[in-house]
Structure formats: structure tokens, C-alpha cells
Amino acid sequence: MANIKSAKKRISVIQTKTLRNKMIKSKLKTLVKKVESAVAAGDKTASEAALKEATVAIDQAAAKGILHKNTAARKVSKLTKAVNSVA
């Protein structure tokens, strides 16, 4: 356990940031699942709407440093390809 005041504060700040990052990552996973389920159902309009929502969230996470920019680009690309495959 930390004895120095600044170290105690860093522990507190890290816990807060960890919780925020977990919340955002969980939301991203939910949005990705919505897109994948809409694609599996073959619903073009629902999958496009879900893709738009997921893309915005993924880009915001990358901008805040929660996801690496290449990871975000890969996820968006994968989802877009899946949505475009729906006839």
C-alpha cells in the first residue's frame, strides 16, 4: 500500500479511469453485437443504423485513447464489410 500522498492519489485516479474505460469498452462490445446480430438477421436498414452508431462510438474511443487508432480502424472496417455483404 502506498504511503506517499501523491501515490495514494494516483491509485485513486487510476481506479476512476479504469472504471470509465471498462464502461466504454463494454458499450462498444454491445454496439458491435447489435451490428452483427442485424447482419445475421439480414436486416439492411437496422444494420446500417447500428453500424453508424457503432462507428461513432469506436471513433470516440480511439480519440480518447481507449482503443488504438489501428484497432478502431480494423473494427470499423470489419463491421462495414459485414454490413455491405447484406443483400
PDB file of N, CA and C in Angstrom:
ATOM      1  N   MET A   1       0.845  -1.187   0.000  1.00  0.00           N
ATOM      2  CA  MET A   1       0.000   0.000   0.000  1.00  0.00           C
ATOM      3  C   MET A   1       0.886   1.245   0.000  1.00  0.00           C
ATOM      4  N   ALA A   2       0.442   2.238  -0.713  1.00  0.00           N
ATOM      5  CA  ALA A   2       1.218   3.465  -0.847  1.00  0.00           C
ATOM      6  C   ALA A   2       1.182   4.274   0.450  1.00  0.00           C
ATOM      7  N   ASN A   3       2.310   4.902   0.765  1.00  0.00           N
ATOM      8  CA  ASN A   3       2.396   5.766   1.943  1.00  0.00           C
ATOM      9  C   ASN A   3       2.419   7.241   1.565  1.00  0.00           C
ATOM     10  N   ILE A   4       2.914   7.531   0.385  1.00  0.00           N
ATOM     11  CA  ILE A   4       3.058   8.914  -0.054  1.00  0.00           C
ATOM     12  C   ILE A   4       1.721   9.416  -0.590  1.00  0.00           C
ATOM     13  N   LYS A   5       1.418  10.669  -0.260  1.00  0.00           N
ATOM     14  CA  LYS A   5       0.119  11.247  -0.619  1.00  0.00           C
ATOM     15  C   LYS A   5      -0.114  11.240  -2.133  1.00  0.00           C
ATOM     16  N   SER A   6       0.894  11.578  -2.912  1.00  0.00           N
ATOM     17  CA  SER A   6       0.738  11.623  -4.361  1.00  0.00           C
ATOM     18  C   SER A   6       0.508  10.219  -4.943  1.00  0.00           C
ATOM     19  N   ALA A   7       1.143   9.224  -4.336  1.00  0.00           N
ATOM     20  CA  ALA A   7       0.952   7.842  -4.797  1.00  0.00           C
ATOM     21  C   ALA A   7      -0.465   7.371  -4.498  1.00  0.00           C
ATOM     22  N   LYS A   8      -0.985   7.777  -3.332  1.00  0.00           N
ATOM     23  CA  LYS A   8      -2.373   7.430  -2.988  1.00  0.00           C
ATOM     24  C   LYS A   8      -3.341   8.061  -3.981  1.00  0.00           C
ATOM     25  N   LYS A   9      -3.055   9.314  -4.353  1.00  0.00           N
ATOM     26  CA  LYS A   9      -3.920   9.999  -5.308  1.00  0.00           C
ATOM     27  C   LYS A   9      -3.859   9.306  -6.670  1.00  0.00           C
ATOM     28  N   ARG A  10      -2.678   8.894  -7.090  1.00  0.00           N
ATOM     29  CA  ARG A  10      -2.543   8.217  -8.385  1.00  0.00           C
ATOM     30  C   ARG A  10      -3.362   6.927  -8.402  1.00  0.00           C
ATOM     31  N   ILE A  11      -3.350   6.195  -7.283  1.00  0.00           N
ATOM     32  CA  ILE A  11      -4.143   4.964  -7.199  1.00  0.00           C
ATOM     33  C   ILE A  11      -5.618   5.277  -7.383  1.00  0.00           C
ATOM     34  N   SER A  12      -6.078   6.335  -6.726  1.00  0.00           N
ATOM     35  CA  SER A  12      -7.478   6.737  -6.826  1.00  0.00           C
ATOM     36  C   SER A  12      -7.841   7.142  -8.253  1.00  0.00           C
ATOM     37  N   VAL A  13      -6.975   7.932  -8.871  1.00  0.00           N
ATOM     38  CA  VAL A  13      -7.227   8.411 -10.236  1.00  0.00           C
ATOM     39  C   VAL A  13      -7.239   7.242 -11.221  1.00  0.00           C
ATOM     40  N   ILE A  14      -6.309   6.310 -11.039  1.00  0.00           N
ATOM     41  CA  ILE A  14      -6.239   5.147 -11.933  1.00  0.00           C
ATOM     42  C   ILE A  14      -7.501   4.299 -11.812  1.00  0.00           C
ATOM     43  N   GLN A  15      -8.017   4.136 -10.601  1.00  0.00           N
ATOM     44  CA  GLN A  15      -9.250   3.373 -10.413  1.00  0.00           C
ATOM     45  C   GLN A  15     -10.412   4.029 -11.144  1.00  0.00           C
ATOM     46  N   THR A  16     -10.504   5.351 -11.063  1.00  0.00           N
ATOM     47  CA  THR A  16     -11.570   6.082 -11.743  1.00  0.00           C
ATOM     48  C   THR A  16     -11.470   5.905 -13.260  1.00  0.00           C
ATOM     49  N   LYS A  17     -10.253   6.058 -13.784  1.00  0.00           N
ATOM     50  CA  LYS A  17     -10.047   5.916 -15.226  1.00  0.00           C
ATOM     51  C   LYS A  17     -10.318   4.491 -15.692  1.00  0.00           C
ATOM     52  N   THR A  18      -9.929   3.512 -14.883  1.00  0.00           N
ATOM     53  CA  THR A  18     -10.161   2.106 -15.232  1.00  0.00           C
ATOM     54  C   THR A  18     -11.649   1.822 -15.339  1.00  0.00           C
ATOM     55  N   LEU A  19     -12.422   2.332 -14.397  1.00  0.00           N
ATOM     56  CA  LEU A  19     -13.876   2.130 -14.441  1.00  0.00           C
ATOM     57  C   LEU A  19     -14.492   2.778 -15.686  1.00  0.00           C
ATOM     58  N   ARG A  20     -14.026   3.995 -16.016  1.00  0.00           N
ATOM     59  CA  ARG A  20     -14.552   4.683 -17.192  1.00  0.00           C
ATOM     60  C   ARG A  20     -14.210   3.910 -18.465  1.00  0.00           C
ATOM     61  N   ASN A  21     -12.958   3.422 -18.553  1.00  0.00           N
ATOM     62  CA  ASN A  21     -12.532   2.664 -19.728  1.00  0.00           C
ATOM     63  C   ASN A  21     -13.320   1.374 -19.866  1.00  0.00           C
ATOM     64  N   LYS A  22     -13.561   0.684 -18.739  1.00  0.00           N
ATOM     65  CA  LYS A  22     -14.347  -0.554 -18.772  1.00  0.00           C
ATOM     66  C   LYS A  22     -15.755  -0.284 -19.259  1.00  0.00           C
ATOM     67  N   MET A  23     -16.345   0.808 -18.799  1.00  0.00           N
ATOM     68  CA  MET A  23     -17.702   1.157 -19.195  1.00  0.00           C
ATOM     69  C   MET A  23     -17.775   1.408 -20.707  1.00  0.00           C
ATOM     70  N   ILE A  24     -16.818   2.146 -21.216  1.00  0.00           N
ATOM     71  CA  ILE A  24     -16.817   2.472 -22.642  1.00  0.00           C
ATOM     72  C   ILE A  24     -16.567   1.221 -23.484  1.00  0.00           C
ATOM     73  N   LYS A  25     -15.621   0.366 -23.056  1.00  0.00           N
ATOM     74  CA  LYS A  25     -15.343  -0.864 -23.801  1.00  0.00           C
ATOM     75  C   LYS A  25     -16.555  -1.790 -23.802  1.00  0.00           C
ATOM     76  N   SER A  26     -17.254  -1.848 -22.695  1.00  0.00           N
ATOM     77  CA  SER A  26     -18.461  -2.679 -22.606  1.00  0.00           C
ATOM     78  C   SER A  26     -19.524  -2.167 -23.569  1.00  0.00           C
ATOM     79  N   LYS A  27     -19.678  -0.844 -23.629  1.00  0.00           N
ATOM     80  CA  LYS A  27     -20.648  -0.245 -24.540  1.00  0.00           C
ATOM     81  C   LYS A  27     -20.275  -0.566 -25.991  1.00  0.00           C
ATOM     82  N   LEU A  28     -18.980  -0.499 -26.307  1.00  0.00           N
ATOM     83  CA  LEU A  28     -18.531  -0.806 -27.662  1.00  0.00           C
ATOM     84  C   LEU A  28     -18.866  -2.248 -28.038  1.00  0.00           C
ATOM     85  N   LYS A  29     -18.628  -3.169 -27.106  1.00  0.00           N
ATOM     86  CA  LYS A  29     -18.927  -4.572 -27.379  1.00  0.00           C
ATOM     87  C   LYS A  29     -20.409  -4.764 -27.645  1.00  0.00           C
ATOM     88  N   THR A  30     -21.260  -4.074 -26.877  1.00  0.00           N
ATOM     89  CA  THR A  30     -22.700  -4.168 -27.074  1.00  0.00           C
ATOM     90  C   THR A  30     -23.094  -3.644 -28.449  1.00  0.00           C
ATOM     91  N   LEU A  31     -22.519  -2.514 -28.844  1.00  0.00           N
ATOM     92  CA  LEU A  31     -22.849  -1.925 -30.150  1.00  0.00           C
ATOM     93  C   LEU A  31     -22.396  -2.825 -31.293  1.00  0.00           C
ATOM     94  N   VAL A  32     -21.224  -3.445 -31.139  1.00  0.00           N
ATOM     95  CA  VAL A  32     -20.717  -4.358 -32.169  1.00  0.00           C
ATOM     96  C   VAL A  32     -21.646  -5.571 -32.287  1.00  0.00           C
ATOM     97  N   LYS A  33     -22.107  -6.079 -31.139  1.00  0.00           N
ATOM     98  CA  LYS A  33     -23.027  -7.221 -31.157  1.00  0.00           C
ATOM     99  C   LYS A  33     -24.337  -6.865 -31.842  1.00  0.00           C
ATOM    100  N   LYS A  34     -24.807  -5.621 -31.652  1.00  0.00           N
ATOM    101  CA  LYS A  34     -26.041  -5.185 -32.316  1.00  0.00           C
ATOM    102  C   LYS A  34     -25.870  -5.206 -33.830  1.00  0.00           C
ATOM    103  N   VAL A  35     -24.722  -4.726 -34.299  1.00  0.00           N
ATOM    104  CA  VAL A  35     -24.462  -4.728 -35.741  1.00  0.00           C
ATOM    105  C   VAL A  35     -24.409  -6.157 -36.258  1.00  0.00           C
ATOM    106  N   GLU A  36     -23.680  -7.019 -35.557  1.00  0.00           N
ATOM    107  CA  GLU A  36     -23.525  -8.401 -36.012  1.00  0.00           C
ATOM    108  C   GLU A  36     -24.848  -9.152 -36.002  1.00  0.00           C
ATOM    109  N   SER A  37     -25.693  -8.888 -35.015  1.00  0.00           N
ATOM    110  CA  SER A  37     -26.989  -9.571 -34.979  1.00  0.00           C
ATOM    111  C   SER A  37     -27.906  -9.064 -36.083  1.00  0.00           C
ATOM    112  N   ALA A  38     -27.847  -7.773 -36.406  1.00  0.00           N
ATOM    113  CA  ALA A  38     -28.648  -7.226 -37.505  1.00  0.00           C
ATOM    114  C   ALA A  38     -28.185  -7.796 -38.841  1.00  0.00           C
ATOM    115  N   VAL A  39     -26.880  -7.972 -38.992  1.00  0.00           N
ATOM    116  CA  VAL A  39     -26.332  -8.564 -40.221  1.00  0.00           C
ATOM    117  C   VAL A  39     -26.766 -10.027 -40.324  1.00  0.00           C
ATOM    118  N   ALA A  40     -26.712 -10.733 -39.201  1.00  0.00           N
ATOM    119  CA  ALA A  40     -27.109 -12.148 -39.201  1.00  0.00           C
ATOM    120  C   ALA A  40     -28.592 -12.304 -39.540  1.00  0.00           C
ATOM    121  N   ALA A  41     -29.395 -11.335 -39.104  1.00  0.00           N
ATOM    122  CA  ALA A  41     -30.828 -11.377 -39.397  1.00  0.00           C
ATOM    123  C   ALA A  41     -31.117 -10.959 -40.839  1.00  0.00           C
ATOM    124  N   GLY A  42     -30.145 -10.321 -41.473  1.00  0.00           N
ATOM    125  CA  GLY A  42     -30.313  -9.895 -42.855  1.00  0.00           C
ATOM    126  C   GLY A  42     -31.087  -8.593 -42.997  1.00  0.00           C
ATOM    127  N   ASP A  43     -31.161  -7.832 -41.936  1.00  0.00           N
ATOM    128  CA  ASP A  43     -31.902  -6.561 -41.942  1.00  0.00           C
ATOM    129  C   ASP A  43     -30.958  -5.427 -42.335  1.00  0.00           C
ATOM    130  N   LYS A  44     -31.098  -4.970 -43.576  1.00  0.00           N
ATOM    131  CA  LYS A  44     -30.190  -3.966 -44.132  1.00  0.00           C
ATOM    132  C   LYS A  44     -30.295  -2.620 -43.398  1.00  0.00           C
ATOM    133  N   THR A  45     -31.521  -2.133 -43.201  1.00  0.00           N
ATOM    134  CA  THR A  45     -31.684  -0.808 -42.593  1.00  0.00           C
ATOM    135  C   THR A  45     -31.234  -0.794 -41.136  1.00  0.00           C
ATOM    136  N   ALA A  46     -31.576  -1.842 -40.394  1.00  0.00           N
ATOM    137  CA  ALA A  46     -31.176  -1.907 -38.988  1.00  0.00           C
ATOM    138  C   ALA A  46     -29.664  -2.039 -38.857  1.00  0.00           C
ATOM    139  N   SER A  47     -29.063  -2.822 -39.748  1.00  0.00           N
ATOM    140  CA  SER A  47     -27.612  -2.999 -39.679  1.00  0.00           C
ATOM    141  C   SER A  47     -26.885  -1.701 -40.024  1.00  0.00           C
ATOM    142  N   GLU A  48     -27.411  -0.942 -40.975  1.00  0.00           N
ATOM    143  CA  GLU A  48     -26.777   0.335 -41.324  1.00  0.00           C
ATOM    144  C   GLU A  48     -26.894   1.341 -40.179  1.00  0.00           C
ATOM    145  N   ALA A  49     -28.056   1.374 -39.538  1.00  0.00           N
ATOM    146  CA  ALA A  49     -28.242   2.287 -38.407  1.00  0.00           C
ATOM    147  C   ALA A  49     -27.333   1.901 -37.245  1.00  0.00           C
ATOM    148  N   ALA A  50     -27.242   0.606 -36.973  1.00  0.00           N
ATOM    149  CA  ALA A  50     -26.379   0.130 -35.893  1.00  0.00           C
ATOM    150  C   ALA A  50     -24.914   0.388 -36.224  1.00  0.00           C
ATOM    151  N   LEU A  51     -24.550   0.241 -37.495  1.00  0.00           N
ATOM    152  CA  LEU A  51     -23.169   0.496 -37.921  1.00  0.00           C
ATOM    153  C   LEU A  51     -22.796   1.954 -37.681  1.00  0.00           C
ATOM    154  N   LYS A  52     -23.702   2.852 -38.020  1.00  0.00           N
ATOM    155  CA  LYS A  52     -23.422   4.274 -37.842  1.00  0.00           C
ATOM    156  C   LYS A  52     -23.175   4.597 -36.365  1.00  0.00           C
ATOM    157  N   GLU A  53     -24.025   4.050 -35.502  1.00  0.00           N
ATOM    158  CA  GLU A  53     -23.888   4.281 -34.062  1.00  0.00           C
ATOM    159  C   GLU A  53     -22.580   3.684 -33.532  1.00  0.00           C
ATOM    160  N   ALA A  54     -22.262   2.478 -33.982  1.00  0.00           N
ATOM    161  CA  ALA A  54     -21.046   1.807 -33.520  1.00  0.00           C
ATOM    162  C   ALA A  54     -19.793   2.542 -34.013  1.00  0.00           C
ATOM    163  N   THR A  55     -19.827   3.004 -35.250  1.00  0.00           N
ATOM    164  CA  THR A  55     -18.673   3.699 -35.818  1.00  0.00           C
ATOM    165  C   THR A  55     -18.351   4.967 -35.029  1.00  0.00           C
ATOM    166  N   VAL A  56     -19.394   5.715 -34.688  1.00  0.00           N
ATOM    167  CA  VAL A  56     -19.186   6.943 -33.916  1.00  0.00           C
ATOM    168  C   VAL A  56     -18.562   6.621 -32.562  1.00  0.00           C
ATOM    169  N   ALA A  57     -19.080   5.604 -31.887  1.00  0.00           N
ATOM    170  CA  ALA A  57     -18.566   5.231 -30.572  1.00  0.00           C
ATOM    171  C   ALA A  57     -17.122   4.728 -30.652  1.00  0.00           C
ATOM    172  N   ILE A  58     -16.824   3.941 -31.679  1.00  0.00           N
ATOM    173  CA  ILE A  58     -15.459   3.417 -31.843  1.00  0.00           C
ATOM    174  C   ILE A  58     -14.478   4.560 -32.110  1.00  0.00           C
ATOM    175  N   ASP A  59     -14.877   5.502 -32.963  1.00  0.00           N
ATOM    176  CA  ASP A  59     -14.008   6.636 -33.264  1.00  0.00           C
ATOM    177  C   ASP A  59     -13.766   7.509 -32.028  1.00  0.00           C
ATOM    178  N   GLN A  60     -14.802   7.694 -31.216  1.00  0.00           N
ATOM    179  CA  GLN A  60     -14.640   8.475 -29.991  1.00  0.00           C
ATOM    180  C   GLN A  60     -13.688   7.774 -29.021  1.00  0.00           C
ATOM    181  N   ALA A  61     -13.816   6.454 -28.920  1.00  0.00           N
ATOM    182  CA  ALA A  61     -12.937   5.693 -28.032  1.00  0.00           C
ATOM    183  C   ALA A  61     -11.488   5.796 -28.499  1.00  0.00           C
ATOM    184  N   ALA A  62     -11.279   5.777 -29.807  1.00  0.00           N
ATOM    185  CA  ALA A  62      -9.918   5.905 -30.350  1.00  0.00           C
ATOM    186  C   ALA A  62      -9.375   7.309 -30.081  1.00  0.00           C
ATOM    187  N   ALA A  63     -10.219   8.312 -30.208  1.00  0.00           N
ATOM    188  CA  ALA A  63      -9.787   9.683 -29.977  1.00  0.00           C
ATOM    189  C   ALA A  63      -9.390   9.901 -28.516  1.00  0.00           C
ATOM    190  N   LYS A  64     -10.067   9.211 -27.600  1.00  0.00           N
ATOM    191  CA  LYS A  64      -9.767   9.357 -26.174  1.00  0.00           C
ATOM    192  C   LYS A  64      -8.636   8.446 -25.718  1.00  0.00           C
ATOM    193  N   GLY A  65      -8.143   7.592 -26.621  1.00  0.00           N
ATOM    194  CA  GLY A  65      -7.021   6.734 -26.280  1.00  0.00           C
ATOM    195  C   GLY A  65      -7.420   5.430 -25.622  1.00  0.00           C
ATOM    196  N   ILE A  66      -8.699   5.105 -25.632  1.00  0.00           N
ATOM    197  CA  ILE A  66      -9.162   3.859 -25.040  1.00  0.00           C
ATOM    198  C   ILE A  66      -8.853   2.700 -25.979  1.00  0.00           C
ATOM    199  N   LEU A  67      -8.991   2.952 -27.280  1.00  0.00           N
ATOM    200  CA  LEU A  67      -8.592   1.990 -28.312  1.00  0.00           C
ATOM    201  C   LEU A  67      -7.465   2.606 -29.122  1.00  0.00           C
ATOM    202  N   HIS A  68      -6.562   1.762 -29.604  1.00  0.00           N
ATOM    203  CA  HIS A  68      -5.531   2.223 -30.529  1.00  0.00           C
ATOM    204  C   HIS A  68      -6.206   2.567 -31.846  1.00  0.00           C
ATOM    205  N   LYS A  69      -5.666   3.560 -32.569  1.00  0.00           N
ATOM    206  CA  LYS A  69      -6.323   4.010 -33.797  1.00  0.00           C
ATOM    207  C   LYS A  69      -6.412   2.906 -34.846  1.00  0.00           C
ATOM    208  N   ASN A  70      -5.402   2.039 -34.914  1.00  0.00           N
ATOM    209  CA  ASN A  70      -5.447   0.950 -35.891  1.00  0.00           C
ATOM    210  C   ASN A  70      -6.476  -0.107 -35.496  1.00  0.00           C
ATOM    211  N   THR A  71      -6.628  -0.339 -34.202  1.00  0.00           N
ATOM    212  CA  THR A  71      -7.642  -1.272 -33.721  1.00  0.00           C
ATOM    213  C   THR A  71      -9.028  -0.744 -34.077  1.00  0.00           C
ATOM    214  N   ALA A  72      -9.227   0.540 -33.868  1.00  0.00           N
ATOM    215  CA  ALA A  72     -10.513   1.159 -34.185  1.00  0.00           C
ATOM    216  C   ALA A  72     -10.793   1.053 -35.685  1.00  0.00           C
ATOM    217  N   ALA A  73      -9.790   1.338 -36.496  1.00  0.00           N
ATOM    218  CA  ALA A  73      -9.962   1.270 -37.944  1.00  0.00           C
ATOM    219  C   ALA A  73     -10.289  -0.153 -38.385  1.00  0.00           C
ATOM    220  N   ARG A  74      -9.630  -1.123 -37.773  1.00  0.00           N
ATOM    221  CA  ARG A  74      -9.874  -2.533 -38.106  1.00  0.00           C
ATOM    222  C   ARG A  74     -11.312  -2.941 -37.742  1.00  0.00           C
ATOM    223  N   LYS A  75     -11.777  -2.514 -36.582  1.00  0.00           N
ATOM    224  CA  LYS A  75     -13.137  -2.851 -36.153  1.00  0.00           C
ATOM    225  C   LYS A  75     -14.177  -2.224 -37.089  1.00  0.00           C
ATOM    226  N   VAL A  76     -13.984  -0.955 -37.424  1.00  0.00           N
ATOM    227  CA  VAL A  76     -14.913  -0.266 -38.312  1.00  0.00           C
ATOM    228  C   VAL A  76     -14.921  -0.931 -39.680  1.00  0.00           C
ATOM    229  N   SER A  77     -13.742  -1.279 -40.182  1.00  0.00           N
ATOM    230  CA  SER A  77     -13.627  -1.916 -41.488  1.00  0.00           C
ATOM    231  C   SER A  77     -14.350  -3.259 -41.516  1.00  0.00           C
ATOM    232  N   LYS A  78     -14.147  -4.042 -40.465  1.00  0.00           N
ATOM    233  CA  LYS A  78     -14.777  -5.363 -40.370  1.00  0.00           C
ATOM    234  C   LYS A  78     -16.299  -5.244 -40.353  1.00  0.00           C
ATOM    235  N   LEU A  79     -16.793  -4.299 -39.561  1.00  0.00           N
ATOM    236  CA  LEU A  79     -18.251  -4.113 -39.462  1.00  0.00           C
ATOM    237  C   LEU A  79     -18.838  -3.594 -40.770  1.00  0.00           C
ATOM    238  N   THR A  80     -18.134  -2.645 -41.399  1.00  0.00           N
ATOM    239  CA  THR A  80     -18.610  -2.098 -42.672  1.00  0.00           C
ATOM    240  C   THR A  80     -18.665  -3.162 -43.744  1.00  0.00           C
ATOM    241  N   LYS A  81     -17.664  -3.998 -43.779  1.00  0.00           N
ATOM    242  CA  LYS A  81     -17.630  -5.100 -44.752  1.00  0.00           C
ATOM    243  C   LYS A  81     -18.789  -6.054 -44.530  1.00  0.00           C
ATOM    244  N   ALA A  82     -19.089  -6.334 -43.263  1.00  0.00           N
ATOM    245  CA  ALA A  82     -20.200  -7.232 -42.940  1.00  0.00           C
ATOM    246  C   ALA A  82     -21.534  -6.627 -43.355  1.00  0.00           C
ATOM    247  N   VAL A  83     -21.718  -5.332 -43.089  1.00  0.00           N
ATOM    248  CA  VAL A  83     -22.975  -4.649 -43.451  1.00  0.00           C
ATOM    249  C   VAL A  83     -23.124  -4.585 -44.961  1.00  0.00           C
ATOM    250  N   ASN A  84     -22.029  -4.350 -45.674  1.00  0.00           N
ATOM    251  CA  ASN A  84     -22.096  -4.275 -47.136  1.00  0.00           C
ATOM    252  C   ASN A  84     -22.399  -5.631 -47.760  1.00  0.00           C
ATOM    253  N   SER A  85     -22.112  -6.703 -47.044  1.00  0.00           N
ATOM    254  CA  SER A  85     -22.378  -8.037 -47.589  1.00  0.00           C
ATOM    255  C   SER A  85     -23.859  -8.405 -47.515  1.00  0.00           C
ATOM    256  N   VAL A  86     -24.637  -7.666 -46.712  1.00  0.00           N
ATOM    257  CA  VAL A  86     -26.076  -7.937 -46.615  1.00  0.00           C
ATOM    258  C   VAL A  86     -26.745  -7.523 -47.915  1.00  0.00           C
ATOM    259  N   ALA A  87     -27.468  -8.450 -48.515  1.00  0.00           N
ATOM    260  CA  ALA A  87     -28.089  -8.163 -49.805  1.00  0.00           C
ATOM    261  C   ALA A  87     -29.389  -7.382 -49.655  1.00  0.00           C
TER     262      ALA A  87
END
